[in-house]
Amino acid sequence: MRRKTISLEEVKNRIRELKGQYISMAINRGRKKIDYFNAIIDNIYPSVFTVKVNAVNQLDTQTFSYFDVLCGDVEIEKIPGA
């Protein structure tokens, strides 16, 4: 079955709407390794965005490109009620 296609602008707009909110992320790191964590979208730049991940007793910043979301390597969902 064919995946629904969305544009890069739609991805950017969705991430802009989620800025500052708690999200759940699934990241495909390759070789059957998928990381799951909760984070907050911190900053938005023209080609990338940063998230703050609550690691062990400290906040860790990670950077992702909008293309990572577009191609499915990064999946983002808003945490309901957060």
PDB file of N, CA and C in Angstrom:
ATOM      1  N   MET A   1       0.839  -1.172   0.000  1.00  0.00           N
ATOM      2  CA  MET A   1       0.000   0.000   0.000  1.00  0.00           C
ATOM      3  C   MET A   1       0.889   1.242   0.000  1.00  0.00           C
ATOM      4  N   ARG A   2       0.495   2.220  -0.718  1.00  0.00           N
ATOM      5  CA  ARG A   2       1.262   3.455  -0.845  1.00  0.00           C
ATOM      6  C   ARG A   2       1.026   4.363   0.360  1.00  0.00           C
ATOM      7  N   ARG A   3       2.122   4.934   0.879  1.00  0.00           N
ATOM      8  CA  ARG A   3       2.018   5.861   1.996  1.00  0.00           C
ATOM      9  C   ARG A   3       1.468   7.203   1.528  1.00  0.00           C
ATOM     10  N   LYS A   4       0.744   7.847   2.414  1.00  0.00           N
ATOM     11  CA  LYS A   4       0.250   9.180   2.105  1.00  0.00           C
ATOM     12  C   LYS A   4       1.449  10.119   1.999  1.00  0.00           C
ATOM     13  N   THR A   5       1.503  10.866   0.931  1.00  0.00           N
ATOM     14  CA  THR A   5       2.637  11.766   0.747  1.00  0.00           C
ATOM     15  C   THR A   5       2.297  13.151   1.294  1.00  0.00           C
ATOM     16  N   ILE A   6       3.245  13.700   2.007  1.00  0.00           N
ATOM     17  CA  ILE A   6       3.101  15.059   2.506  1.00  0.00           C
ATOM     18  C   ILE A   6       4.323  15.843   2.063  1.00  0.00           C
ATOM     19  N   SER A   7       4.198  17.134   2.062  1.00  0.00           N
ATOM     20  CA  SER A   7       5.310  17.966   1.608  1.00  0.00           C
ATOM     21  C   SER A   7       6.200  18.340   2.787  1.00  0.00           C
ATOM     22  N   LEU A   8       7.352  18.827   2.450  1.00  0.00           N
ATOM     23  CA  LEU A   8       8.297  19.278   3.469  1.00  0.00           C
ATOM     24  C   LEU A   8       7.721  20.452   4.258  1.00  0.00           C
ATOM     25  N   GLU A   9       6.989  21.326   3.591  1.00  0.00           N
ATOM     26  CA  GLU A   9       6.363  22.466   4.273  1.00  0.00           C
ATOM     27  C   GLU A   9       5.331  21.997   5.304  1.00  0.00           C
ATOM     28  N   GLU A  10       4.586  20.947   4.972  1.00  0.00           N
ATOM     29  CA  GLU A  10       3.612  20.409   5.924  1.00  0.00           C
ATOM     30  C   GLU A  10       4.307  19.848   7.158  1.00  0.00           C
ATOM     31  N   VAL A  11       5.452  19.208   6.969  1.00  0.00           N
ATOM     32  CA  VAL A  11       6.230  18.694   8.092  1.00  0.00           C
ATOM     33  C   VAL A  11       6.716  19.855   8.959  1.00  0.00           C
ATOM     34  N   LYS A  12       7.246  20.899   8.331  1.00  0.00           N
ATOM     35  CA  LYS A  12       7.733  22.061   9.076  1.00  0.00           C
ATOM     36  C   LYS A  12       6.609  22.725   9.868  1.00  0.00           C
ATOM     37  N   ASN A  13       5.431  22.854   9.246  1.00  0.00           N
ATOM     38  CA  ASN A  13       4.295  23.467   9.940  1.00  0.00           C
ATOM     39  C   ASN A  13       3.847  22.634  11.132  1.00  0.00           C
ATOM     40  N   ARG A  14       3.840  21.319  10.969  1.00  0.00           N
ATOM     41  CA  ARG A  14       3.434  20.444  12.078  1.00  0.00           C
ATOM     42  C   ARG A  14       4.405  20.575  13.247  1.00  0.00           C
ATOM     43  N   ILE A  15       5.690  20.646  12.957  1.00  0.00           N
ATOM     44  CA  ILE A  15       6.687  20.772  14.018  1.00  0.00           C
ATOM     45  C   ILE A  15       6.601  22.149  14.670  1.00  0.00           C
ATOM     46  N   ARG A  16       6.328  23.187  13.891  1.00  0.00           N
ATOM     47  CA  ARG A  16       6.137  24.523  14.477  1.00  0.00           C
ATOM     48  C   ARG A  16       4.969  24.527  15.457  1.00  0.00           C
ATOM     49  N   GLU A  17       3.893  23.821  15.111  1.00  0.00           N
ATOM     50  CA  GLU A  17       2.723  23.747  15.993  1.00  0.00           C
ATOM     51  C   GLU A  17       3.035  23.017  17.296  1.00  0.00           C
ATOM     52  N   LEU A  18       3.981  22.089  17.264  1.00  0.00           N
ATOM     53  CA  LEU A  18       4.313  21.292  18.442  1.00  0.00           C
ATOM     54  C   LEU A  18       5.434  21.906  19.288  1.00  0.00           C
ATOM     55  N   LYS A  19       5.990  23.027  18.862  1.00  0.00           N
ATOM     56  CA  LYS A  19       7.099  23.640  19.604  1.00  0.00           C
ATOM     57  C   LYS A  19       6.686  23.941  21.045  1.00  0.00           C
ATOM     58  N   GLY A  20       7.544  23.524  21.982  1.00  0.00           N
ATOM     59  CA  GLY A  20       7.309  23.765  23.393  1.00  0.00           C
ATOM     60  C   GLY A  20       6.392  22.754  24.051  1.00  0.00           C
ATOM     61  N   GLN A  21       5.914  21.770  23.315  1.00  0.00           N
ATOM     62  CA  GLN A  21       5.008  20.769  23.864  1.00  0.00           C
ATOM     63  C   GLN A  21       5.742  19.443  24.046  1.00  0.00           C
ATOM     64  N   TYR A  22       5.222  18.619  24.959  1.00  0.00           N
ATOM     65  CA  TYR A  22       5.789  17.293  25.174  1.00  0.00           C
ATOM     66  C   TYR A  22       5.385  16.382  24.025  1.00  0.00           C
ATOM     67  N   ILE A  23       6.367  15.661  23.499  1.00  0.00           N
ATOM     68  CA  ILE A  23       6.119  14.753  22.385  1.00  0.00           C
ATOM     69  C   ILE A  23       6.744  13.393  22.681  1.00  0.00           C
ATOM     70  N   SER A  24       6.260  12.406  21.987  1.00  0.00           N
ATOM     71  CA  SER A  24       6.827  11.063  22.025  1.00  0.00           C
ATOM     72  C   SER A  24       7.514  10.848  20.682  1.00  0.00           C
ATOM     73  N   MET A  25       8.743  10.342  20.713  1.00  0.00           N
ATOM     74  CA  MET A  25       9.500  10.164  19.472  1.00  0.00           C
ATOM     75  C   MET A  25       9.957   8.721  19.322  1.00  0.00           C
ATOM     76  N   ALA A  26       9.963   8.259  18.086  1.00  0.00           N
ATOM     77  CA  ALA A  26      10.548   6.971  17.720  1.00  0.00           C
ATOM     78  C   ALA A  26      11.554   7.263  16.622  1.00  0.00           C
ATOM     79  N   ILE A  27      12.814   6.876  16.855  1.00  0.00           N
ATOM     80  CA  ILE A  27      13.882   7.197  15.911  1.00  0.00           C
ATOM     81  C   ILE A  27      14.520   5.910  15.406  1.00  0.00           C
ATOM     82  N   ASN A  28      14.501   5.740  14.097  1.00  0.00           N
ATOM     83  CA  ASN A  28      15.117   4.586  13.462  1.00  0.00           C
ATOM     84  C   ASN A  28      16.597   4.896  13.277  1.00  0.00           C
ATOM     85  N   ARG A  29      17.443   4.233  14.058  1.00  0.00           N
ATOM     86  CA  ARG A  29      18.890   4.469  14.003  1.00  0.00           C
ATOM     87  C   ARG A  29      19.593   3.521  13.027  1.00  0.00           C
ATOM     88  N   GLY A  30      18.849   2.641  12.388  1.00  0.00           N
ATOM     89  CA  GLY A  30      19.437   1.707  11.431  1.00  0.00           C
ATOM     90  C   GLY A  30      19.777   0.385  12.095  1.00  0.00           C
ATOM     91  N   ARG A  31      19.948  -0.642  11.276  1.00  0.00           N
ATOM     92  CA  ARG A  31      20.278  -1.993  11.739  1.00  0.00           C
ATOM     93  C   ARG A  31      19.328  -2.492  12.821  1.00  0.00           C
ATOM     94  N   LYS A  32      18.054  -2.266  12.596  1.00  0.00           N
ATOM     95  CA  LYS A  32      16.979  -2.722  13.473  1.00  0.00           C
ATOM     96  C   LYS A  32      17.040  -2.118  14.877  1.00  0.00           C
ATOM     97  N   LYS A  33      17.655  -0.957  15.013  1.00  0.00           N
ATOM     98  CA  LYS A  33      17.719  -0.287  16.308  1.00  0.00           C
ATOM     99  C   LYS A  33      16.787   0.920  16.273  1.00  0.00           C
ATOM    100  N   ILE A  34      15.792   0.913  17.138  1.00  0.00           N
ATOM    101  CA  ILE A  34      14.838   2.013  17.226  1.00  0.00           C
ATOM    102  C   ILE A  34      14.853   2.526  18.666  1.00  0.00           C
ATOM    103  N   ASP A  35      15.043   3.824  18.818  1.00  0.00           N
ATOM    104  CA  ASP A  35      15.035   4.461  20.132  1.00  0.00           C
ATOM    105  C   ASP A  35      13.698   5.158  20.341  1.00  0.00           C
ATOM    106  N   TYR A  36      13.148   5.014  21.541  1.00  0.00           N
ATOM    107  CA  TYR A  36      11.899   5.676  21.912  1.00  0.00           C
ATOM    108  C   TYR A  36      12.178   6.583  23.099  1.00  0.00           C
ATOM    109  N   PHE A  37      11.665   7.798  23.063  1.00  0.00           N
ATOM    110  CA  PHE A  37      11.784   8.676  24.225  1.00  0.00           C
ATOM    111  C   PHE A  37      10.791   9.812  24.142  1.00  0.00           C
ATOM    112  N   ASN A  38      10.610  10.481  25.272  1.00  0.00           N
ATOM    113  CA  ASN A  38       9.767  11.664  25.351  1.00  0.00           C
ATOM    114  C   ASN A  38      10.672  12.882  25.376  1.00  0.00           C
ATOM    115  N   ALA A  39      10.217  13.951  24.746  1.00  0.00           N
ATOM    116  CA  ALA A  39      11.052  15.146  24.632  1.00  0.00           C
ATOM    117  C   ALA A  39      10.171  16.371  24.475  1.00  0.00           C
ATOM    118  N   ILE A  40      10.825  17.521  24.416  1.00  0.00           N
ATOM    119  CA  ILE A  40      10.167  18.803  24.149  1.00  0.00           C
ATOM    120  C   ILE A  40      10.864  19.426  22.947  1.00  0.00           C
ATOM    121  N   ILE A  41      10.088  19.874  21.956  1.00  0.00           N
ATOM    122  CA  ILE A  41      10.694  20.568  20.820  1.00  0.00           C
ATOM    123  C   ILE A  41      11.167  21.926  21.319  1.00  0.00           C
ATOM    124  N   ASP A  42      12.470  22.161  21.225  1.00  0.00           N
ATOM    125  CA  ASP A  42      13.087  23.339  21.830  1.00  0.00           C
ATOM    126  C   ASP A  42      13.216  24.494  20.843  1.00  0.00           C
ATOM    127  N   ASN A  43      13.952  24.302  19.776  1.00  0.00           N
ATOM    128  CA  ASN A  43      14.191  25.363  18.790  1.00  0.00           C
ATOM    129  C   ASN A  43      13.893  24.866  17.393  1.00  0.00           C
ATOM    130  N   ILE A  44      13.526  25.819  16.536  1.00  0.00           N
ATOM    131  CA  ILE A  44      13.228  25.511  15.144  1.00  0.00           C
ATOM    132  C   ILE A  44      14.098  26.395  14.265  1.00  0.00           C
ATOM    133  N   TYR A  45      14.795  25.764  13.334  1.00  0.00           N
ATOM    134  CA  TYR A  45      15.670  26.460  12.406  1.00  0.00           C
ATOM    135  C   TYR A  45      15.220  26.158  10.979  1.00  0.00           C
ATOM    136  N   PRO A  46      15.772  26.836   9.972  1.00  0.00           N
ATOM    137  CA  PRO A  46      15.303  26.619   8.596  1.00  0.00           C
ATOM    138  C   PRO A  46      15.402  25.166   8.099  1.00  0.00           C
ATOM    139  N   SER A  47      16.438  24.431   8.484  1.00  0.00           N
ATOM    140  CA  SER A  47      16.572  23.070   7.963  1.00  0.00           C
ATOM    141  C   SER A  47      16.597  21.987   9.036  1.00  0.00           C
ATOM    142  N   VAL A  48      16.656  22.374  10.312  1.00  0.00           N
ATOM    143  CA  VAL A  48      16.677  21.395  11.410  1.00  0.00           C
ATOM    144  C   VAL A  48      15.841  21.908  12.574  1.00  0.00           C
ATOM    145  N   PHE A  49      15.581  20.997  13.525  1.00  0.00           N
ATOM    146  CA  PHE A  49      14.942  21.381  14.780  1.00  0.00           C
ATOM    147  C   PHE A  49      15.630  20.624  15.904  1.00  0.00           C
ATOM    148  N   THR A  50      15.600  21.204  17.102  1.00  0.00           N
ATOM    149  CA  THR A  50      16.238  20.559  18.247  1.00  0.00           C
ATOM    150  C   THR A  50      15.180  20.165  19.267  1.00  0.00           C
ATOM    151  N   VAL A  51      15.474  19.073  19.976  1.00  0.00           N
ATOM    152  CA  VAL A  51      14.588  18.611  21.038  1.00  0.00           C
ATOM    153  C   VAL A  51      15.407  18.425  22.301  1.00  0.00           C
ATOM    154  N   LYS A  52      14.767  18.649  23.447  1.00  0.00           N
ATOM    155  CA  LYS A  52      15.392  18.417  24.755  1.00  0.00           C
ATOM    156  C   LYS A  52      14.856  17.099  25.287  1.00  0.00           C
ATOM    157  N   VAL A  53      15.761  16.171  25.527  1.00  0.00           N
ATOM    158  CA  VAL A  53      15.411  14.855  26.038  1.00  0.00           C
ATOM    159  C   VAL A  53      15.841  14.795  27.492  1.00  0.00           C
ATOM    160  N   ASN A  54      14.962  14.313  28.357  1.00  0.00           N
ATOM    161  CA  ASN A  54      15.290  14.185  29.770  1.00  0.00           C
ATOM    162  C   ASN A  54      16.078  12.898  29.972  1.00  0.00           C
ATOM    163  N   ALA A  55      17.420  13.012  29.927  1.00  0.00           N
ATOM    164  CA  ALA A  55      18.293  11.870  30.186  1.00  0.00           C
ATOM    165  C   ALA A  55      18.467  11.759  31.703  1.00  0.00           C
ATOM    166  N   VAL A  56      19.316  10.875  32.149  1.00  0.00           N
ATOM    167  CA  VAL A  56      19.506  10.638  33.572  1.00  0.00           C
ATOM    168  C   VAL A  56      19.980  11.919  34.254  1.00  0.00           C
ATOM    169  N   ASN A  57      19.092  12.568  34.984  1.00  0.00           N
ATOM    170  CA  ASN A  57      19.360  13.770  35.782  1.00  0.00           C
ATOM    171  C   ASN A  57      19.903  14.958  34.994  1.00  0.00           C
ATOM    172  N   GLN A  58      19.722  14.989  33.695  1.00  0.00           N
ATOM    173  CA  GLN A  58      20.136  16.155  32.916  1.00  0.00           C
ATOM    174  C   GLN A  58      19.349  16.189  31.606  1.00  0.00           C
ATOM    175  N   LEU A  59      19.289  17.365  31.004  1.00  0.00           N
ATOM    176  CA  LEU A  59      18.619  17.498  29.710  1.00  0.00           C
ATOM    177  C   LEU A  59      19.648  17.342  28.604  1.00  0.00           C
ATOM    178  N   ASP A  60      19.326  16.521  27.649  1.00  0.00           N
ATOM    179  CA  ASP A  60      20.198  16.266  26.510  1.00  0.00           C
ATOM    180  C   ASP A  60      19.541  16.859  25.271  1.00  0.00           C
ATOM    181  N   THR A  61      20.295  17.588  24.464  1.00  0.00           N
ATOM    182  CA  THR A  61      19.759  18.186  23.241  1.00  0.00           C
ATOM    183  C   THR A  61      20.139  17.330  22.050  1.00  0.00           C
ATOM    184  N   GLN A  62      19.148  17.042  21.203  1.00  0.00           N
ATOM    185  CA  GLN A  62      19.396  16.300  19.973  1.00  0.00           C
ATOM    186  C   GLN A  62      18.822  17.094  18.805  1.00  0.00           C
ATOM    187  N   THR A  63      19.455  16.960  17.659  1.00  0.00           N
ATOM    188  CA  THR A  63      19.064  17.701  16.460  1.00  0.00           C
ATOM    189  C   THR A  63      18.600  16.740  15.376  1.00  0.00           C
ATOM    190  N   PHE A  64      17.514  17.112  14.705  1.00  0.00           N
ATOM    191  CA  PHE A  64      16.977  16.309  13.614  1.00  0.00           C
ATOM    192  C   PHE A  64      16.620  17.225  12.456  1.00  0.00           C
ATOM    193  N   SER A  65      16.649  16.679  11.259  1.00  0.00           N
ATOM    194  CA  SER A  65      16.239  17.459  10.093  1.00  0.00           C
ATOM    195  C   SER A  65      14.771  17.159   9.796  1.00  0.00           C
ATOM    196  N   TYR A  66      14.145  18.074   9.091  1.00  0.00           N
ATOM    197  CA  TYR A  66      12.748  17.868   8.706  1.00  0.00           C
ATOM    198  C   TYR A  66      12.638  16.695   7.737  1.00  0.00           C
ATOM    199  N   PHE A  67      13.688  16.456   6.976  1.00  0.00           N
ATOM    200  CA  PHE A  67      13.685  15.342   6.037  1.00  0.00           C
ATOM    201  C   PHE A  67      13.650  14.009   6.777  1.00  0.00           C
ATOM    202  N   ASP A  68      14.263  13.934   7.975  1.00  0.00           N
ATOM    203  CA  ASP A  68      14.185  12.716   8.784  1.00  0.00           C
ATOM    204  C   ASP A  68      12.734  12.359   9.085  1.00  0.00           C
ATOM    205  N   VAL A  69      11.922  13.365   9.363  1.00  0.00           N
ATOM    206  CA  VAL A  69      10.501  13.153   9.640  1.00  0.00           C
ATOM    207  C   VAL A  69       9.775  12.800   8.342  1.00  0.00           C
ATOM    208  N   LEU A  70      10.106  13.494   7.279  1.00  0.00           N
ATOM    209  CA  LEU A  70       9.443  13.272   5.994  1.00  0.00           C
ATOM    210  C   LEU A  70       9.639  11.841   5.491  1.00  0.00           C
ATOM    211  N   CYS A  71      10.858  11.315   5.620  1.00  0.00           N
ATOM    212  CA  CYS A  71      11.132   9.977   5.097  1.00  0.00           C
ATOM    213  C   CYS A  71      10.780   8.871   6.087  1.00  0.00           C
ATOM    214  N   GLY A  72      10.384   9.216   7.312  1.00  0.00           N
ATOM    215  CA  GLY A  72       9.913   8.213   8.262  1.00  0.00           C
ATOM    216  C   GLY A  72      10.952   7.706   9.237  1.00  0.00           C
ATOM    217  N   ASP A  73      12.171   8.237   9.210  1.00  0.00           N
ATOM    218  CA  ASP A  73      13.187   7.809  10.171  1.00  0.00           C
ATOM    219  C   ASP A  73      12.900   8.331  11.568  1.00  0.00           C
ATOM    220  N   VAL A  74      12.175   9.440  11.665  1.00  0.00           N
ATOM    221  CA  VAL A  74      11.771  10.022  12.941  1.00  0.00           C
ATOM    222  C   VAL A  74      10.254  10.160  12.929  1.00  0.00           C
ATOM    223  N   GLU A  75       9.616   9.575  13.940  1.00  0.00           N
ATOM    224  CA  GLU A  75       8.169   9.693  14.074  1.00  0.00           C
ATOM    225  C   GLU A  75       7.864  10.485  15.334  1.00  0.00           C
ATOM    226  N   ILE A  76       6.970  11.453  15.227  1.00  0.00           N
ATOM    227  CA  ILE A  76       6.640  12.345  16.334  1.00  0.00           C
ATOM    228  C   ILE A  76       5.142  12.308  16.587  1.00  0.00           C
ATOM    229  N   GLU A  77       4.786  12.185  17.856  1.00  0.00           N
ATOM    230  CA  GLU A  77       3.382  12.251  18.260  1.00  0.00           C
ATOM    231  C   GLU A  77       3.273  13.100  19.513  1.00  0.00           C
ATOM    232  N   LYS A  78       2.256  13.938  19.571  1.00  0.00           N
ATOM    233  CA  LYS A  78       2.013  14.739  20.757  1.00  0.00           C
ATOM    234  C   LYS A  78       1.502  13.822  21.867  1.00  0.00           C
ATOM    235  N   ILE A  79       1.997  14.062  23.070  1.00  0.00           N
ATOM    236  CA  ILE A  79       1.533  13.291  24.216  1.00  0.00           C
ATOM    237  C   ILE A  79       0.225  13.907  24.685  1.00  0.00           C
ATOM    238  N   PRO A  80      -0.868  13.148  24.656  1.00  0.00           N
ATOM    239  CA  PRO A  80      -2.166  13.705  25.050  1.00  0.00           C
ATOM    240  C   PRO A  80      -2.177  14.119  26.521  1.00  0.00           C
ATOM    241  N   GLY A  81      -2.737  15.269  26.788  1.00  0.00           N
ATOM    242  CA  GLY A  81      -2.865  15.757  28.156  1.00  0.00           C
ATOM    243  C   GLY A  81      -1.612  16.345  28.742  1.00  0.00           C
ATOM    244  N   ALA A  82      -0.527  16.423  27.961  1.00  0.00           N
ATOM    245  CA  ALA A  82       0.720  16.971  28.500  1.00  0.00           C
ATOM    246  C   ALA A  82       0.857  18.431  28.141  1.00  0.00           C
TER     247      ALA A  82
END
